[in-house]
């Protein structure tokens, strides 16, 4: 096996280790993963268009990425500043705010995509 493939597999292993750490230690990460699974199942049931799938997948990836970066900031802040102080709090709050913004915008986009389809199913059945 070439060195490039070995390095690539090692990088993937480290990335999966990070995802595993977030899943094991972060309630919000687990919440976002479960939410993503529900959204994916709903996307299948509602037969989204290719463009809608791309938008939904981008939103899911954005929220998960923001949550992973938030976790990285929290771990790094705890390492560099084990004592409670205002600067460390601001770093953590700002990272959490980024997740909140991405999650809210993704939820709004989800409503724009899903609600008309759900309403169509509900009201066409009458």
Foldseek 3Di string as FASTA:
>chain_A
DDPVVVVVVVVVVVVVVLLVVCCVPPPVLVVLVVVLVVLVVLCVVLVDDPVLVVLLVVLSVQLNVLSSVLVVLLVVLCVVPVDDDDVSVVSNVVSVVSSVVSVVVSVVSSCVRPVVSVVCVVVVVD
